[in-house]
Amino acid sequence: MEWKTIYRHLKEAGYEVYSLGQHKGDCTSPYLVLRNNGAGLDHSVSVQEYEILLYYPVNRYSEFEGYIDGVRTCMNSLYPHVTLVDDQQPHYPDDDVKAYMTSLIYQVQKVSNVNRF
């Protein structure tokens, strides 16, 4: 599964999704940033990691948990192809965009064309 497939999946589920550096201005409504965290290679298995950065308006913190749960549920429909490997990180205020932020980290494993006969 590729970055663009996950991106489309989240978009089709109704989430506002951006790639790195694409969102501009303050957070006035919840949004996601999908980031490719790189890949590792274990013999002939490639392990690709994707991180979803979740942003939520700073004046609506009480709703943030529900939003996180919704994203988790949406992504769970891609299981077992996409696996949650690091659940939500500590929440912190991002003053640059006036939002609370956390992230979810997922992995995709696939057979690699490298290190094979």
PDB file of N, CA and C in Angstrom:
ATOM      1  N   MET A   1       0.854  -1.178   0.000  1.00  0.00           N
ATOM      2  CA  MET A   1       0.000   0.000   0.000  1.00  0.00           C
ATOM      3  C   MET A   1       0.895   1.235   0.000  1.00  0.00           C
ATOM      4  N   GLU A   2       0.536   2.213  -0.780  1.00  0.00           N
ATOM      5  CA  GLU A   2       1.343   3.413  -0.944  1.00  0.00           C
ATOM      6  C   GLU A   2       0.735   4.608  -0.214  1.00  0.00           C
ATOM      7  N   TRP A   3       1.547   5.656  -0.091  1.00  0.00           N
ATOM      8  CA  TRP A   3       1.134   6.895   0.551  1.00  0.00           C
ATOM      9  C   TRP A   3      -0.160   7.418  -0.074  1.00  0.00           C
ATOM     10  N   LYS A   4      -0.216   7.436  -1.412  1.00  0.00           N
ATOM     11  CA  LYS A   4      -1.384   8.017  -2.088  1.00  0.00           C
ATOM     12  C   LYS A   4      -2.655   7.218  -1.813  1.00  0.00           C
ATOM     13  N   THR A   5      -2.540   5.922  -1.581  1.00  0.00           N
ATOM     14  CA  THR A   5      -3.710   5.098  -1.265  1.00  0.00           C
ATOM     15  C   THR A   5      -4.255   5.461   0.108  1.00  0.00           C
ATOM     16  N   ILE A   6      -3.370   5.633   1.073  1.00  0.00           N
ATOM     17  CA  ILE A   6      -3.790   6.033   2.421  1.00  0.00           C
ATOM     18  C   ILE A   6      -4.383   7.440   2.374  1.00  0.00           C
ATOM     19  N   TYR A   7      -3.750   8.333   1.638  1.00  0.00           N
ATOM     20  CA  TYR A   7      -4.233   9.707   1.477  1.00  0.00           C
ATOM     21  C   TYR A   7      -5.665   9.705   0.936  1.00  0.00           C
ATOM     22  N   ARG A   8      -5.872   8.973  -0.143  1.00  0.00           N
ATOM     23  CA  ARG A   8      -7.219   8.895  -0.753  1.00  0.00           C
ATOM     24  C   ARG A   8      -8.235   8.288   0.212  1.00  0.00           C
ATOM     25  N   HIS A   9      -7.826   7.257   0.930  1.00  0.00           N
ATOM     26  CA  HIS A   9      -8.715   6.596   1.886  1.00  0.00           C
ATOM     27  C   HIS A   9      -9.210   7.601   2.937  1.00  0.00           C
ATOM     28  N   LEU A  10      -8.305   8.385   3.484  1.00  0.00           N
ATOM     29  CA  LEU A  10      -8.685   9.376   4.493  1.00  0.00           C
ATOM     30  C   LEU A  10      -9.554  10.477   3.885  1.00  0.00           C
ATOM     31  N   LYS A  11      -9.223  10.933   2.681  1.00  0.00           N
ATOM     32  CA  LYS A  11     -10.016  11.955   1.981  1.00  0.00           C
ATOM     33  C   LYS A  11     -11.438  11.465   1.731  1.00  0.00           C
ATOM     34  N   GLU A  12     -11.544  10.233   1.229  1.00  0.00           N
ATOM     35  CA  GLU A  12     -12.862   9.667   0.922  1.00  0.00           C
ATOM     36  C   GLU A  12     -13.702   9.469   2.177  1.00  0.00           C
ATOM     37  N   ALA A  13     -13.047   9.330   3.324  1.00  0.00           N
ATOM     38  CA  ALA A  13     -13.767   9.191   4.594  1.00  0.00           C
ATOM     39  C   ALA A  13     -14.198  10.554   5.141  1.00  0.00           C
ATOM     40  N   GLY A  14     -13.847  11.628   4.432  1.00  0.00           N
ATOM     41  CA  GLY A  14     -14.291  12.960   4.825  1.00  0.00           C
ATOM     42  C   GLY A  14     -13.287  13.780   5.614  1.00  0.00           C
ATOM     43  N   TYR A  15     -12.072  13.293   5.758  1.00  0.00           N
ATOM     44  CA  TYR A  15     -11.057  14.041   6.496  1.00  0.00           C
ATOM     45  C   TYR A  15     -10.366  15.056   5.594  1.00  0.00           C
ATOM     46  N   GLU A  16      -9.996  16.172   6.190  1.00  0.00           N
ATOM     47  CA  GLU A  16      -9.207  17.189   5.503  1.00  0.00           C
ATOM     48  C   GLU A  16      -7.749  16.746   5.636  1.00  0.00           C
ATOM     49  N   VAL A  17      -7.123  16.352   4.531  1.00  0.00           N
ATOM     50  CA  VAL A  17      -5.786  15.752   4.558  1.00  0.00           C
ATOM     51  C   VAL A  17      -4.822  16.575   3.706  1.00  0.00           C
ATOM     52  N   TYR A  18      -3.620  16.735   4.221  1.00  0.00           N
ATOM     53  CA  TYR A  18      -2.580  17.482   3.517  1.00  0.00           C
ATOM     54  C   TYR A  18      -1.287  16.674   3.495  1.00  0.00           C
ATOM     55  N   SER A  19      -0.424  16.994   2.547  1.00  0.00           N
ATOM     56  CA  SER A  19       0.937  16.473   2.577  1.00  0.00           C
ATOM     57  C   SER A  19       1.784  17.488   3.348  1.00  0.00           C
ATOM     58  N   LEU A  20       3.015  17.128   3.653  1.00  0.00           N
ATOM     59  CA  LEU A  20       3.894  18.014   4.422  1.00  0.00           C
ATOM     60  C   LEU A  20       4.034  19.380   3.751  1.00  0.00           C
ATOM     61  N   GLY A  21       3.897  20.440   4.546  1.00  0.00           N
ATOM     62  CA  GLY A  21       4.088  21.792   4.048  1.00  0.00           C
ATOM     63  C   GLY A  21       2.945  22.364   3.239  1.00  0.00           C
ATOM     64  N   GLN A  22       1.887  21.606   3.043  1.00  0.00           N
ATOM     65  CA  GLN A  22       0.787  22.050   2.187  1.00  0.00           C
ATOM     66  C   GLN A  22      -0.197  22.962   2.922  1.00  0.00           C
ATOM     67  N   HIS A  23      -0.484  22.695   4.205  1.00  0.00           N
ATOM     68  CA  HIS A  23      -1.451  23.499   4.955  1.00  0.00           C
ATOM     69  C   HIS A  23      -0.834  24.844   5.320  1.00  0.00           C
ATOM     70  N   LYS A  24      -1.603  25.897   5.132  1.00  0.00           N
ATOM     71  CA  LYS A  24      -1.144  27.250   5.466  1.00  0.00           C
ATOM     72  C   LYS A  24      -2.115  27.890   6.447  1.00  0.00           C
ATOM     73  N   GLY A  25      -1.591  28.688   7.357  1.00  0.00           N
ATOM     74  CA  GLY A  25      -2.429  29.455   8.270  1.00  0.00           C
ATOM     75  C   GLY A  25      -2.796  28.700   9.533  1.00  0.00           C
ATOM     76  N   ASP A  26      -3.670  29.341  10.317  1.00  0.00           N
ATOM     77  CA  ASP A  26      -4.103  28.780  11.591  1.00  0.00           C
ATOM     78  C   ASP A  26      -5.059  27.613  11.395  1.00  0.00           C
ATOM     79  N   CYS A  27      -5.133  26.786  12.401  1.00  0.00           N
ATOM     80  CA  CYS A  27      -6.044  25.640  12.399  1.00  0.00           C
ATOM     81  C   CYS A  27      -7.430  26.123  12.837  1.00  0.00           C
ATOM     82  N   THR A  28      -8.333  26.274  11.894  1.00  0.00           N
ATOM     83  CA  THR A  28      -9.701  26.690  12.206  1.00  0.00           C
ATOM     84  C   THR A  28     -10.658  25.507  12.181  1.00  0.00           C
ATOM     85  N   SER A  29     -10.213  24.401  11.578  1.00  0.00           N
ATOM     86  CA  SER A  29     -10.972  23.150  11.583  1.00  0.00           C
ATOM     87  C   SER A  29      -9.950  22.010  11.639  1.00  0.00           C
ATOM     88  N   PRO A  30     -10.366  20.843  12.137  1.00  0.00           N
ATOM     89  CA  PRO A  30      -9.427  19.727  12.264  1.00  0.00           C
ATOM     90  C   PRO A  30      -8.849  19.325  10.906  1.00  0.00           C
ATOM     91  N   TYR A  31      -7.590  18.910  10.919  1.00  0.00           N
ATOM     92  CA  TYR A  31      -6.984  18.404   9.692  1.00  0.00           C
ATOM     93  C   TYR A  31      -5.869  17.417  10.008  1.00  0.00           C
ATOM     94  N   LEU A  32      -5.493  16.665   8.983  1.00  0.00           N
ATOM     95  CA  LEU A  32      -4.442  15.656   9.084  1.00  0.00           C
ATOM     96  C   LEU A  32      -3.316  15.992   8.122  1.00  0.00           C
ATOM     97  N   VAL A  33      -2.106  15.638   8.509  1.00  0.00           N
ATOM     98  CA  VAL A  33      -0.959  15.704   7.611  1.00  0.00           C
ATOM     99  C   VAL A  33      -0.401  14.289   7.535  1.00  0.00           C
ATOM    100  N   LEU A  34      -0.318  13.754   6.328  1.00  0.00           N
ATOM    101  CA  LEU A  34       0.199  12.399   6.129  1.00  0.00           C
ATOM    102  C   LEU A  34       1.662  12.491   5.718  1.00  0.00           C
ATOM    103  N   ARG A  35       2.515  11.857   6.516  1.00  0.00           N
ATOM    104  CA  ARG A  35       3.957  11.949   6.293  1.00  0.00           C
ATOM    105  C   ARG A  35       4.558  10.568   6.062  1.00  0.00           C
ATOM    106  N   ASN A  36       5.408  10.468   5.069  1.00  0.00           N
ATOM    107  CA  ASN A  36       6.166   9.253   4.799  1.00  0.00           C
ATOM    108  C   ASN A  36       7.405   9.302   5.686  1.00  0.00           C
ATOM    109  N   ASN A  37       7.505   8.363   6.635  1.00  0.00           N
ATOM    110  CA  ASN A  37       8.633   8.343   7.569  1.00  0.00           C
ATOM    111  C   ASN A  37       9.794   7.489   7.088  1.00  0.00           C
ATOM    112  N   GLY A  38       9.743   7.026   5.858  1.00  0.00           N
ATOM    113  CA  GLY A  38      10.833   6.207   5.330  1.00  0.00           C
ATOM    114  C   GLY A  38      10.551   4.726   5.474  1.00  0.00           C
ATOM    115  N   ALA A  39      11.511   3.931   5.030  1.00  0.00           N
ATOM    116  CA  ALA A  39      11.335   2.479   5.026  1.00  0.00           C
ATOM    117  C   ALA A  39      12.585   1.802   5.550  1.00  0.00           C
ATOM    118  N   GLY A  40      12.390   0.590   6.008  1.00  0.00           N
ATOM    119  CA  GLY A  40      13.494  -0.265   6.415  1.00  0.00           C
ATOM    120  C   GLY A  40      13.405  -1.556   5.638  1.00  0.00           C
ATOM    121  N   LEU A  41      14.500  -2.282   5.611  1.00  0.00           N
ATOM    122  CA  LEU A  41      14.537  -3.534   4.866  1.00  0.00           C
ATOM    123  C   LEU A  41      15.020  -4.633   5.791  1.00  0.00           C
ATOM    124  N   ASP A  42      14.227  -5.671   5.948  1.00  0.00           N
ATOM    125  CA  ASP A  42      14.597  -6.835   6.747  1.00  0.00           C
ATOM    126  C   ASP A  42      14.635  -8.025   5.801  1.00  0.00           C
ATOM    127  N   HIS A  43      15.835  -8.348   5.330  1.00  0.00           N
ATOM    128  CA  HIS A  43      16.048  -9.389   4.320  1.00  0.00           C
ATOM    129  C   HIS A  43      15.265  -9.022   3.062  1.00  0.00           C
ATOM    130  N   SER A  44      14.184  -9.700   2.759  1.00  0.00           N
ATOM    131  CA  SER A  44      13.441  -9.378   1.538  1.00  0.00           C
ATOM    132  C   SER A  44      12.072  -8.770   1.838  1.00  0.00           C
ATOM    133  N   VAL A  45      11.906  -8.259   3.065  1.00  0.00           N
ATOM    134  CA  VAL A  45      10.650  -7.609   3.446  1.00  0.00           C
ATOM    135  C   VAL A  45      10.908  -6.122   3.683  1.00  0.00           C
ATOM    136  N   SER A  46      10.195  -5.295   2.954  1.00  0.00           N
ATOM    137  CA  SER A  46      10.278  -3.848   3.112  1.00  0.00           C
ATOM    138  C   SER A  46       9.221  -3.408   4.123  1.00  0.00           C
ATOM    139  N   VAL A  47       9.633  -2.598   5.088  1.00  0.00           N
ATOM    140  CA  VAL A  47       8.712  -2.082   6.095  1.00  0.00           C
ATOM    141  C   VAL A  47       8.649  -0.565   5.931  1.00  0.00           C
ATOM    142  N   GLN A  48       7.549  -0.091   5.373  1.00  0.00           N
ATOM    143  CA  GLN A  48       7.331   1.334   5.123  1.00  0.00           C
ATOM    144  C   GLN A  48       6.561   1.917   6.297  1.00  0.00           C
ATOM    145  N   GLU A  49       6.968   3.101   6.764  1.00  0.00           N
ATOM    146  CA  GLU A  49       6.292   3.723   7.895  1.00  0.00           C
ATOM    147  C   GLU A  49       5.642   5.033   7.458  1.00  0.00           C
ATOM    148  N   TYR A  50       4.396   5.221   7.884  1.00  0.00           N
ATOM    149  CA  TYR A  50       3.651   6.451   7.624  1.00  0.00           C
ATOM    150  C   TYR A  50       3.180   7.021   8.952  1.00  0.00           C
ATOM    151  N   GLU A  51       3.268   8.326   9.088  1.00  0.00           N
ATOM    152  CA  GLU A  51       2.817   8.992  10.304  1.00  0.00           C
ATOM    153  C   GLU A  51       1.688   9.949   9.944  1.00  0.00           C
ATOM    154  N   ILE A  52       0.614   9.859  10.705  1.00  0.00           N
ATOM    155  CA  ILE A  52      -0.504  10.783  10.533  1.00  0.00           C
ATOM    156  C   ILE A  52      -0.418  11.799  11.665  1.00  0.00           C
ATOM    157  N   LEU A  53      -0.216  13.052  11.297  1.00  0.00           N
ATOM    158  CA  LEU A  53      -0.180  14.141  12.267  1.00  0.00           C
ATOM    159  C   LEU A  53      -1.589  14.708  12.352  1.00  0.00           C
ATOM    160  N   LEU A  54      -2.154  14.726  13.546  1.00  0.00           N
ATOM    161  CA  LEU A  54      -3.525  15.192  13.745  1.00  0.00           C
ATOM    162  C   LEU A  54      -3.499  16.565  14.400  1.00  0.00           C
ATOM    163  N   TYR A  55      -4.176  17.527  13.789  1.00  0.00           N
ATOM    164  CA  TYR A  55      -4.253  18.892  14.311  1.00  0.00           C
ATOM    165  C   TYR A  55      -5.706  19.214  14.637  1.00  0.00           C
ATOM    166  N   TYR A  56      -5.902  19.860  15.799  1.00  0.00           N
ATOM    167  CA  TYR A  56      -7.253  20.194  16.237  1.00  0.00           C
ATOM    168  C   TYR A  56      -7.246  21.604  16.823  1.00  0.00           C
ATOM    169  N   PRO A  57      -8.254  22.428  16.503  1.00  0.00           N
ATOM    170  CA  PRO A  57      -8.266  23.819  16.977  1.00  0.00           C
ATOM    171  C   PRO A  57      -8.053  23.915  18.491  1.00  0.00           C
ATOM    172  N   VAL A  58      -7.230  24.856  18.878  1.00  0.00           N
ATOM    173  CA  VAL A  58      -6.818  24.983  20.272  1.00  0.00           C
ATOM    174  C   VAL A  58      -7.993  25.269  21.215  1.00  0.00           C
ATOM    175  N   ASN A  59      -9.056  25.875  20.729  1.00  0.00           N
ATOM    176  CA  ASN A  59     -10.201  26.205  21.590  1.00  0.00           C
ATOM    177  C   ASN A  59     -11.233  25.076  21.666  1.00  0.00           C
ATOM    178  N   ARG A  60     -10.903  23.889  21.111  1.00  0.00           N
ATOM    179  CA  ARG A  60     -11.860  22.768  21.109  1.00  0.00           C
ATOM    180  C   ARG A  60     -11.212  21.471  21.609  1.00  0.00           C
ATOM    181  N   TYR A  61     -10.313  21.588  22.567  1.00  0.00           N
ATOM    182  CA  TYR A  61      -9.552  20.430  23.039  1.00  0.00           C
ATOM    183  C   TYR A  61     -10.447  19.293  23.536  1.00  0.00           C
ATOM    184  N   SER A  62     -11.579  19.617  24.132  1.00  0.00           N
ATOM    185  CA  SER A  62     -12.458  18.576  24.688  1.00  0.00           C
ATOM    186  C   SER A  62     -12.985  17.623  23.614  1.00  0.00           C
ATOM    187  N   GLU A  63     -12.910  18.006  22.346  1.00  0.00           N
ATOM    188  CA  GLU A  63     -13.385  17.159  21.243  1.00  0.00           C
ATOM    189  C   GLU A  63     -12.257  16.350  20.588  1.00  0.00           C
ATOM    190  N   PHE A  64     -11.031  16.615  20.982  1.00  0.00           N
ATOM    191  CA  PHE A  64      -9.867  16.041  20.304  1.00  0.00           C
ATOM    192  C   PHE A  64      -9.834  14.512  20.380  1.00  0.00           C
ATOM    193  N   GLU A  65     -10.128  13.948  21.542  1.00  0.00           N
ATOM    194  CA  GLU A  65     -10.097  12.485  21.703  1.00  0.00           C
ATOM    195  C   GLU A  65     -11.043  11.785  20.730  1.00  0.00           C
ATOM    196  N   GLY A  66     -12.235  12.332  20.560  1.00  0.00           N
ATOM    197  CA  GLY A  66     -13.194  11.743  19.633  1.00  0.00           C
ATOM    198  C   GLY A  66     -12.693  11.767  18.198  1.00  0.00           C
ATOM    199  N   TYR A  67     -12.021  12.846  17.836  1.00  0.00           N
ATOM    200  CA  TYR A  67     -11.444  12.967  16.495  1.00  0.00           C
ATOM    201  C   TYR A  67     -10.355  11.914  16.288  1.00  0.00           C
ATOM    202  N   ILE A  68      -9.505  11.751  17.277  1.00  0.00           N
ATOM    203  CA  ILE A  68      -8.429  10.755  17.208  1.00  0.00           C
ATOM    204  C   ILE A  68      -9.021   9.357  17.046  1.00  0.00           C
ATOM    205  N   ASP A  69     -10.038   9.048  17.840  1.00  0.00           N
ATOM    206  CA  ASP A  69     -10.697   7.736  17.743  1.00  0.00           C
ATOM    207  C   ASP A  69     -11.290   7.518  16.359  1.00  0.00           C
ATOM    208  N   GLY A  70     -11.865   8.563  15.781  1.00  0.00           N
ATOM    209  CA  GLY A  70     -12.435   8.453  14.442  1.00  0.00           C
ATOM    210  C   GLY A  70     -11.386   8.138  13.386  1.00  0.00           C
ATOM    211  N   VAL A  71     -10.232   8.787  13.483  1.00  0.00           N
ATOM    212  CA  VAL A  71      -9.142   8.525  12.533  1.00  0.00           C
ATOM    213  C   VAL A  71      -8.646   7.098  12.705  1.00  0.00           C
ATOM    214  N   ARG A  72      -8.480   6.675  13.958  1.00  0.00           N
ATOM    215  CA  ARG A  72      -8.037   5.299  14.236  1.00  0.00           C
ATOM    216  C   ARG A  72      -9.007   4.280  13.643  1.00  0.00           C
ATOM    217  N   THR A  73     -10.294   4.512  13.821  1.00  0.00           N
ATOM    218  CA  THR A  73     -11.315   3.606  13.290  1.00  0.00           C
ATOM    219  C   THR A  73     -11.274   3.578  11.769  1.00  0.00           C
ATOM    220  N   CYS A  74     -11.137   4.736  11.158  1.00  0.00           N
ATOM    221  CA  CYS A  74     -11.044   4.828   9.697  1.00  0.00           C
ATOM    222  C   CYS A  74      -9.848   4.032   9.188  1.00  0.00           C
ATOM    223  N   MET A  75      -8.701   4.208   9.808  1.00  0.00           N
ATOM    224  CA  MET A  75      -7.484   3.514   9.385  1.00  0.00           C
ATOM    225  C   MET A  75      -7.564   2.017   9.652  1.00  0.00           C
ATOM    226  N   ASN A  76      -8.316   1.625  10.667  1.00  0.00           N
ATOM    227  CA  ASN A  76      -8.429   0.202  10.992  1.00  0.00           C
ATOM    228  C   ASN A  76      -9.073  -0.588   9.859  1.00  0.00           C
ATOM    229  N   SER A  77      -9.845   0.072   9.011  1.00  0.00           N
ATOM    230  CA  SER A  77     -10.455  -0.641   7.881  1.00  0.00           C
ATOM    231  C   SER A  77      -9.409  -1.053   6.845  1.00  0.00           C
ATOM    232  N   LEU A  78      -8.187  -0.529   6.948  1.00  0.00           N
ATOM    233  CA  LEU A  78      -7.099  -0.930   6.049  1.00  0.00           C
ATOM    234  C   LEU A  78      -6.278  -2.092   6.616  1.00  0.00           C
ATOM    235  N   TYR A  79      -6.582  -2.487   7.856  1.00  0.00           N
ATOM    236  CA  TYR A  79      -5.888  -3.618   8.483  1.00  0.00           C
ATOM    237  C   TYR A  79      -6.277  -4.898   7.759  1.00  0.00           C
ATOM    238  N   PRO A  80      -5.416  -5.837   7.503  1.00  0.00           N
ATOM    239  CA  PRO A  80      -4.050  -6.024   7.994  1.00  0.00           C
ATOM    240  C   PRO A  80      -2.977  -5.429   7.077  1.00  0.00           C
ATOM    241  N   HIS A  81      -3.359  -4.750   6.012  1.00  0.00           N
ATOM    242  CA  HIS A  81      -2.363  -4.174   5.099  1.00  0.00           C
ATOM    243  C   HIS A  81      -1.607  -3.009   5.737  1.00  0.00           C
ATOM    244  N   VAL A  82      -2.305  -2.269   6.593  1.00  0.00           N
ATOM    245  CA  VAL A  82      -1.715  -1.136   7.305  1.00  0.00           C
ATOM    246  C   VAL A  82      -1.927  -1.395   8.793  1.00  0.00           C
ATOM    247  N   THR A  83      -0.839  -1.364   9.562  1.00  0.00           N
ATOM    248  CA  THR A  83      -0.894  -1.723  10.978  1.00  0.00           C
ATOM    249  C   THR A  83      -0.460  -0.553  11.856  1.00  0.00           C
ATOM    250  N   LEU A  84      -1.268  -0.248  12.873  1.00  0.00           N
ATOM    251  CA  LEU A  84      -0.902   0.775  13.852  1.00  0.00           C
ATOM    252  C   LEU A  84       0.227   0.224  14.717  1.00  0.00           C
ATOM    253  N   VAL A  85       1.372   0.899  14.732  1.00  0.00           N
ATOM    254  CA  VAL A  85       2.520   0.410  15.503  1.00  0.00           C
ATOM    255  C   VAL A  85       2.894   1.333  16.653  1.00  0.00           C
ATOM    256  N   ASP A  86       2.441   2.567  16.627  1.00  0.00           N
ATOM    257  CA  ASP A  86       2.717   3.497  17.718  1.00  0.00           C
ATOM    258  C   ASP A  86       1.488   4.377  17.881  1.00  0.00           C
ATOM    259  N   ASP A  87       0.725   4.081  18.943  1.00  0.00           N
ATOM    260  CA  ASP A  87      -0.532   4.789  19.166  1.00  0.00           C
ATOM    261  C   ASP A  87      -0.262   6.252  19.506  1.00  0.00           C
ATOM    262  N   GLN A  88      -1.331   6.984  19.768  1.00  0.00           N
ATOM    263  CA  GLN A  88      -1.221   8.436  19.880  1.00  0.00           C
ATOM    264  C   GLN A  88      -0.097   8.877  20.817  1.00  0.00           C
ATOM    265  N   GLN A  89       0.628   9.849  20.337  1.00  0.00           N
ATOM    266  CA  GLN A  89       1.731  10.447  21.076  1.00  0.00           C
ATOM    267  C   GLN A  89       1.163  11.499  22.029  1.00  0.00           C
ATOM    268  N   PRO A  90       1.978  11.997  22.954  1.00  0.00           N
ATOM    269  CA  PRO A  90       1.476  13.049  23.849  1.00  0.00           C
ATOM    270  C   PRO A  90       0.914  14.229  23.048  1.00  0.00           C
ATOM    271  N   HIS A  91      -0.159  14.797  23.555  1.00  0.00           N
ATOM    272  CA  HIS A  91      -0.764  15.970  22.914  1.00  0.00           C
ATOM    273  C   HIS A  91       0.046  17.196  23.315  1.00  0.00           C
ATOM    274  N   TYR A  92       0.259  18.076  22.372  1.00  0.00           N
ATOM    275  CA  TYR A  92       0.914  19.328  22.736  1.00  0.00           C
ATOM    276  C   TYR A  92       0.364  20.458  21.875  1.00  0.00           C
ATOM    277  N   PRO A  93       0.366  21.672  22.431  1.00  0.00           N
ATOM    278  CA  PRO A  93      -0.109  22.812  21.647  1.00  0.00           C
ATOM    279  C   PRO A  93       0.953  23.237  20.637  1.00  0.00           C
ATOM    280  N   ASP A  94       0.533  23.432  19.406  1.00  0.00           N
ATOM    281  CA  ASP A  94       1.407  23.940  18.354  1.00  0.00           C
ATOM    282  C   ASP A  94       1.017  25.398  18.131  1.00  0.00           C
ATOM    283  N   ASP A  95       1.774  26.291  18.738  1.00  0.00           N
ATOM    284  CA  ASP A  95       1.447  27.717  18.692  1.00  0.00           C
ATOM    285  C   ASP A  95       1.532  28.305  17.288  1.00  0.00           C
ATOM    286  N   ASP A  96       2.315  27.693  16.415  1.00  0.00           N
ATOM    287  CA  ASP A  96       2.456  28.208  15.046  1.00  0.00           C
ATOM    288  C   ASP A  96       1.144  28.173  14.271  1.00  0.00           C
ATOM    289  N   VAL A  97       0.302  27.170  14.560  1.00  0.00           N
ATOM    290  CA  VAL A  97      -0.967  27.043  13.835  1.00  0.00           C
ATOM    291  C   VAL A  97      -2.183  27.132  14.760  1.00  0.00           C
ATOM    292  N   LYS A  98      -1.936  27.416  16.042  1.00  0.00           N
ATOM    293  CA  LYS A  98      -3.008  27.524  17.046  1.00  0.00           C
ATOM    294  C   LYS A  98      -3.848  26.243  17.094  1.00  0.00           C
ATOM    295  N   ALA A  99      -3.151  25.125  17.345  1.00  0.00           N
ATOM    296  CA  ALA A  99      -3.813  23.819  17.375  1.00  0.00           C
ATOM    297  C   ALA A  99      -3.145  22.910  18.398  1.00  0.00           C
ATOM    298  N   TYR A 100      -3.905  21.905  18.813  1.00  0.00           N
ATOM    299  CA  TYR A 100      -3.301  20.784  19.537  1.00  0.00           C
ATOM    300  C   TYR A 100      -2.890  19.766  18.497  1.00  0.00           C
ATOM    301  N   MET A 101      -1.829  19.040  18.792  1.00  0.00           N
ATOM    302  CA  MET A 101      -1.293  18.095  17.821  1.00  0.00           C
ATOM    303  C   MET A 101      -0.906  16.797  18.508  1.00  0.00           C
ATOM    304  N   THR A 102      -1.118  15.702  17.807  1.00  0.00           N
ATOM    305  CA  THR A 102      -0.620  14.389  18.202  1.00  0.00           C
ATOM    306  C   THR A 102      -0.370  13.623  16.910  1.00  0.00           C
ATOM    307  N   SER A 103       0.096  12.389  17.027  1.00  0.00           N
ATOM    308  CA  SER A 103       0.314  11.602  15.811  1.00  0.00           C
ATOM    309  C   SER A 103       0.059  10.128  16.053  1.00  0.00           C
ATOM    310  N   LEU A 104      -0.204   9.425  14.968  1.00  0.00           N
ATOM    311  CA  LEU A 104      -0.376   7.973  14.943  1.00  0.00           C
ATOM    312  C   LEU A 104       0.602   7.438  13.906  1.00  0.00           C
ATOM    313  N   ILE A 105       1.295   6.353  14.233  1.00  0.00           N
ATOM    314  CA  ILE A 105       2.294   5.809  13.317  1.00  0.00           C
ATOM    315  C   ILE A 105       1.866   4.423  12.850  1.00  0.00           C
ATOM    316  N   TYR A 106       1.889   4.252  11.531  1.00  0.00           N
ATOM    317  CA  TYR A 106       1.461   3.005  10.895  1.00  0.00           C
ATOM    318  C   TYR A 106       2.597   2.415  10.073  1.00  0.00           C
ATOM    319  N   GLN A 107       2.544   1.089   9.890  1.00  0.00           N
ATOM    320  CA  GLN A 107       3.515   0.412   9.034  1.00  0.00           C
ATOM    321  C   GLN A 107       2.806  -0.412   7.974  1.00  0.00           C
ATOM    322  N   VAL A 108       3.480  -0.502   6.833  1.00  0.00           N
ATOM    323  CA  VAL A 108       3.038  -1.346   5.727  1.00  0.00           C
ATOM    324  C   VAL A 108       4.204  -2.263   5.389  1.00  0.00           C
ATOM    325  N   GLN A 109       3.954  -3.566   5.423  1.00  0.00           N
ATOM    326  CA  GLN A 109       4.997  -4.529   5.060  1.00  0.00           C
ATOM    327  C   GLN A 109       4.686  -5.117   3.695  1.00  0.00           C
ATOM    328  N   LYS A 110       5.737  -5.274   2.904  1.00  0.00           N
ATOM    329  CA  LYS A 110       5.552  -5.910   1.601  1.00  0.00           C
ATOM    330  C   LYS A 110       6.857  -6.576   1.191  1.00  0.00           C
ATOM    331  N   VAL A 111       6.737  -7.544   0.319  1.00  0.00           N
ATOM    332  CA  VAL A 111       7.910  -8.238  -0.194  1.00  0.00           C
ATOM    333  C   VAL A 111       8.662  -7.272  -1.101  1.00  0.00           C
ATOM    334  N   SER A 112       9.954  -7.169  -0.860  1.00  0.00           N
ATOM    335  CA  SER A 112      10.791  -6.249  -1.619  1.00  0.00           C
ATOM    336  C   SER A 112      11.416  -6.939  -2.823  1.00  0.00           C
ATOM    337  N   ASN A 113      11.754  -6.152  -3.817  1.00  0.00           N
ATOM    338  CA  ASN A 113      12.488  -6.672  -4.972  1.00  0.00           C
ATOM    339  C   ASN A 113      13.992  -6.667  -4.710  1.00  0.00           C
ATOM    340  N   VAL A 114      14.397  -6.157  -3.562  1.00  0.00           N
ATOM    341  CA  VAL A 114      15.800  -6.076  -3.178  1.00  0.00           C
ATOM    342  C   VAL A 114      16.157  -7.298  -2.330  1.00  0.00           C
ATOM    343  N   ASN A 115      17.383  -7.764  -2.430  1.00  0.00           N
ATOM    344  CA  ASN A 115      17.878  -8.923  -1.679  1.00  0.00           C
ATOM    345  C   ASN A 115      17.111 -10.198  -2.013  1.00  0.00           C
ATOM    346  N   ARG A 116      16.805 -10.361  -3.274  1.00  0.00           N
ATOM    347  CA  ARG A 116      16.093 -11.564  -3.726  1.00  0.00           C
ATOM    348  C   ARG A 116      16.822 -12.145  -4.919  1.00  0.00           C
ATOM    349  N   PHE A 117      16.676 -13.425  -5.084  1.00  0.00           N
ATOM    350  CA  PHE A 117      17.265 -14.108  -6.251  1.00  0.00           C
ATOM    351  C   PHE A 117      16.338 -14.014  -7.425  1.00  0.00           C
TER     352      PHE A 117
END
